[in-house]
C-alpha atoms as a PDB file:
ATOM      1  CA  UNK A   1      17.681   3.364  32.574  1.00  0.00           C
ATOM      2  CA  UNK A   2      18.046   1.628  29.453  1.00  0.00           C
ATOM      3  CA  UNK A   3      18.568  -1.942  29.405  1.00  0.00           C
ATOM      4  CA  UNK A   4      20.597  -2.299  26.340  1.00  0.00           C
ATOM      5  CA  UNK A   5      20.434  -6.280  26.419  1.00  0.00           C
ATOM      6  CA  UNK A   6      16.889  -6.225  26.882  1.00  0.00           C
ATOM      7  CA  UNK A   7      16.589  -3.787  23.976  1.00  0.00           C
ATOM      8  CA  UNK A   8      18.493  -5.480  22.000  1.00  0.00           C
ATOM      9  CA  UNK A   9      16.364  -8.737  21.935  1.00  0.00           C
ATOM     10  CA  UNK A  10      13.108  -6.386  21.119  1.00  0.00           C
ATOM     11  CA  UNK A  11      15.258  -5.381  17.900  1.00  0.00           C
ATOM     12  CA  UNK A  12      13.772  -6.151  14.479  1.00  0.00           C
ATOM     13  CA  UNK A  13      15.624  -5.277  11.284  1.00  0.00           C
ATOM     14  CA  UNK A  14      14.166  -3.423   8.938  1.00  0.00           C
ATOM     15  CA  UNK A  15      13.367  -4.970   5.072  1.00  0.00           C
ATOM     16  CA  UNK A  16      15.839  -3.796   2.343  1.00  0.00           C
ATOM     17  CA  UNK A  17      14.724  -1.595  -0.202  1.00  0.00           C
ATOM     18  CA  UNK A  18      14.170  -4.524  -2.639  1.00  0.00           C
ATOM     19  CA  UNK A  19      12.082  -6.447   0.140  1.00  0.00           C
ATOM     20  CA  UNK A  20       9.994  -3.098   0.473  1.00  0.00           C
ATOM     21  CA  UNK A  21       8.911  -2.134  -2.998  1.00  0.00           C
ATOM     22  CA  UNK A  22       8.084  -6.111  -3.571  1.00  0.00           C
ATOM     23  CA  UNK A  23       6.196  -5.936  -0.217  1.00  0.00           C
ATOM     24  CA  UNK A  24       4.600  -2.590  -1.427  1.00  0.00           C
ATOM     25  CA  UNK A  25       3.672  -4.300  -5.354  1.00  0.00           C
ATOM     26  CA  UNK A  26       2.322  -7.283  -4.223  1.00  0.00           C
ATOM     27  CA  UNK A  27      -0.556  -5.698  -2.446  1.00  0.00           C
ATOM     28  CA  UNK A  28      -3.643  -5.107  -4.302  1.00  0.00           C
ATOM     29  CA  UNK A  29      -3.678  -0.987  -3.021  1.00  0.00           C
ATOM     30  CA  UNK A  30      -6.705   1.155  -4.468  1.00  0.00           C
ATOM     31  CA  UNK A  31      -6.158   4.806  -4.171  1.00  0.00           C
ATOM     32  CA  UNK A  32      -8.516   8.006  -4.756  1.00  0.00           C
ATOM     33  CA  UNK A  33      -6.896   7.789  -8.739  1.00  0.00           C
ATOM     34  CA  UNK A  34      -8.535   4.632  -9.087  1.00  0.00           C
ATOM     35  CA  UNK A  35     -11.435   5.248  -7.207  1.00  0.00           C
ATOM     36  CA  UNK A  36     -11.960   8.403  -9.897  1.00  0.00           C
ATOM     37  CA  UNK A  37     -11.203   6.585 -13.056  1.00  0.00           C
ATOM     38  CA  UNK A  38     -13.806   3.584 -11.661  1.00  0.00           C
ATOM     39  CA  UNK A  39     -16.204   6.764 -11.451  1.00  0.00           C
ATOM     40  CA  UNK A  40     -15.658   8.615 -14.691  1.00  0.00           C
ATOM     41  CA  UNK A  41     -16.063   4.913 -16.544  1.00  0.00           C
ATOM     42  CA  UNK A  42     -18.997   3.791 -15.194  1.00  0.00           C
ATOM     43  CA  UNK A  43     -20.586   7.317 -15.384  1.00  0.00           C
ATOM     44  CA  UNK A  44     -19.661   7.125 -18.987  1.00  0.00           C
ATOM     45  CA  UNK A  45     -21.168   3.844 -19.527  1.00  0.00           C
ATOM     46  CA  UNK A  46     -24.148   5.083 -18.028  1.00  0.00           C
ATOM     47  CA  UNK A  47     -24.062   8.001 -20.226  1.00  0.00           C
ATOM     48  CA  UNK A  48     -23.889   5.518 -23.256  1.00  0.00           C
ATOM     49  CA  UNK A  49     -26.904   3.185 -22.305  1.00  0.00           C
ATOM     50  CA  UNK A  50     -29.118   6.586 -21.698  1.00  0.00           C
END
């Protein structure tokens, strides 16, 4: 049986929308698009050198 008092002690409220946005945008996250752009730029620079 569920002990509601124990469950309430474990409860942590979720972040507000603004806090979530700040938490996400303040992290330096590299995604696949960023990696591909870097690879293309590097390839173009290497082609110019040759």
